[in-house]
């Protein structure tokens, strides 16, 4: 039991150290570059009314697609 508590304490110190490092660097957590998007699989949105962030992304994607189409003409 003593070994377990020492190990647990060590891991808690490591996690706390990483948290303090992020706080002092003033960084926010970010996702990886991988995921389903890198495989070409788009997440389905089944919402009747998507959130504002999703609507903005869709508008930007449509504008980018339209500008590419206009440039190729």
C-alpha atoms as a PDB file:
ATOM      1  CA  UNK A   1       0.000   0.000   0.000  1.00  0.00           C
ATOM      2  CA  UNK A   2       2.893   2.331   0.735  1.00  0.00           C
ATOM      3  CA  UNK A   3       4.311   1.842  -2.757  1.00  0.00           C
ATOM      4  CA  UNK A   4       0.895   2.662  -4.269  1.00  0.00           C
ATOM      5  CA  UNK A   5       0.625   5.900  -2.296  1.00  0.00           C
ATOM      6  CA  UNK A   6       4.166   6.940  -3.251  1.00  0.00           C
ATOM      7  CA  UNK A   7       3.421   6.234  -6.916  1.00  0.00           C
ATOM      8  CA  UNK A   8       0.108   8.085  -6.768  1.00  0.00           C
ATOM      9  CA  UNK A   9       1.776  11.062  -5.112  1.00  0.00           C
ATOM     10  CA  UNK A  10       4.484  11.101  -7.798  1.00  0.00           C
ATOM     11  CA  UNK A  11       1.938  11.116 -10.628  1.00  0.00           C
ATOM     12  CA  UNK A  12      -0.085  13.848  -8.934  1.00  0.00           C
ATOM     13  CA  UNK A  13       3.078  15.966  -8.660  1.00  0.00           C
ATOM     14  CA  UNK A  14       3.808  15.431 -12.367  1.00  0.00           C
ATOM     15  CA  UNK A  15       0.258  16.417 -13.364  1.00  0.00           C
ATOM     16  CA  UNK A  16       0.366  19.465 -11.092  1.00  0.00           C
ATOM     17  CA  UNK A  17       3.739  20.458 -12.583  1.00  0.00           C
ATOM     18  CA  UNK A  18       2.339  20.263 -16.113  1.00  0.00           C
ATOM     19  CA  UNK A  19      -0.674  22.351 -15.086  1.00  0.00           C
ATOM     20  CA  UNK A  20       1.526  25.015 -13.514  1.00  0.00           C
ATOM     21  CA  UNK A  21       3.666  25.086 -16.666  1.00  0.00           C
ATOM     22  CA  UNK A  22       0.606  25.732 -18.828  1.00  0.00           C
ATOM     23  CA  UNK A  23      -0.599  28.453 -16.480  1.00  0.00           C
ATOM     24  CA  UNK A  24       2.736  30.284 -16.525  1.00  0.00           C
ATOM     25  CA  UNK A  25       3.075  29.991 -20.317  1.00  0.00           C
ATOM     26  CA  UNK A  26      -0.473  31.354 -20.679  1.00  0.00           C
ATOM     27  CA  UNK A  27      -1.304  28.776 -23.322  1.00  0.00           C
ATOM     28  CA  UNK A  28      -4.625  27.137 -23.886  1.00  0.00           C
ATOM     29  CA  UNK A  29      -5.038  23.451 -24.547  1.00  0.00           C
ATOM     30  CA  UNK A  30      -5.331  22.617 -28.232  1.00  0.00           C
ATOM     31  CA  UNK A  31      -6.299  19.514 -30.102  1.00  0.00           C
ATOM     32  CA  UNK A  32      -4.034  17.496 -32.297  1.00  0.00           C
ATOM     33  CA  UNK A  33      -3.737  17.858 -36.049  1.00  0.00           C
ATOM     34  CA  UNK A  34      -5.081  14.357 -36.524  1.00  0.00           C
ATOM     35  CA  UNK A  35      -8.556  13.021 -36.052  1.00  0.00           C
ATOM     36  CA  UNK A  36     -11.275  12.196 -38.525  1.00  0.00           C
ATOM     37  CA  UNK A  37     -10.739  15.424 -40.467  1.00  0.00           C
ATOM     38  CA  UNK A  38      -7.302  14.246 -41.599  1.00  0.00           C
ATOM     39  CA  UNK A  39      -8.937  11.149 -43.052  1.00  0.00           C
ATOM     40  CA  UNK A  40     -11.431  13.179 -45.062  1.00  0.00           C
ATOM     41  CA  UNK A  41     -14.364  12.205 -42.848  1.00  0.00           C
ATOM     42  CA  UNK A  42     -16.521  15.173 -41.889  1.00  0.00           C
ATOM     43  CA  UNK A  43     -18.478  15.014 -38.664  1.00  0.00           C
ATOM     44  CA  UNK A  44     -22.213  14.957 -39.289  1.00  0.00           C
ATOM     45  CA  UNK A  45     -24.214  17.728 -37.728  1.00  0.00           C
ATOM     46  CA  UNK A  46     -27.752  16.533 -37.143  1.00  0.00           C
ATOM     47  CA  UNK A  47     -28.906  19.741 -35.493  1.00  0.00           C
ATOM     48  CA  UNK A  48     -31.851  21.665 -36.892  1.00  0.00           C
ATOM     49  CA  UNK A  49     -30.206  24.887 -35.786  1.00  0.00           C
ATOM     50  CA  UNK A  50     -26.365  24.569 -35.586  1.00  0.00           C
ATOM     51  CA  UNK A  51     -24.415  26.691 -33.126  1.00  0.00           C
ATOM     52  CA  UNK A  52     -22.953  30.036 -34.178  1.00  0.00           C
ATOM     53  CA  UNK A  53     -19.411  28.685 -34.468  1.00  0.00           C
ATOM     54  CA  UNK A  54     -20.523  25.953 -36.864  1.00  0.00           C
ATOM     55  CA  UNK A  55     -22.542  28.427 -38.943  1.00  0.00           C
ATOM     56  CA  UNK A  56     -19.508  30.721 -39.185  1.00  0.00           C
ATOM     57  CA  UNK A  57     -17.260  27.831 -40.272  1.00  0.00           C
ATOM     58  CA  UNK A  58     -19.784  26.832 -42.941  1.00  0.00           C
ATOM     59  CA  UNK A  59     -19.994  30.432 -44.205  1.00  0.00           C
ATOM     60  CA  UNK A  60     -16.201  30.693 -44.413  1.00  0.00           C
ATOM     61  CA  UNK A  61     -15.956  27.338 -46.182  1.00  0.00           C
ATOM     62  CA  UNK A  62     -18.606  28.400 -48.704  1.00  0.00           C
ATOM     63  CA  UNK A  63     -16.856  31.742 -49.307  1.00  0.00           C
ATOM     64  CA  UNK A  64     -13.499  30.007 -49.789  1.00  0.00           C
ATOM     65  CA  UNK A  65     -15.038  27.505 -52.207  1.00  0.00           C
ATOM     66  CA  UNK A  66     -16.714  30.305 -54.164  1.00  0.00           C
ATOM     67  CA  UNK A  67     -13.480  32.309 -54.396  1.00  0.00           C
ATOM     68  CA  UNK A  68     -11.627  29.248 -55.679  1.00  0.00           C
ATOM     69  CA  UNK A  69     -14.345  28.615 -58.274  1.00  0.00           C
ATOM     70  CA  UNK A  70     -14.198  32.233 -59.466  1.00  0.00           C
ATOM     71  CA  UNK A  71     -10.387  32.143 -59.766  1.00  0.00           C
ATOM     72  CA  UNK A  72     -10.463  29.012 -61.918  1.00  0.00           C
ATOM     73  CA  UNK A  73     -12.843  30.641 -64.443  1.00  0.00           C
END
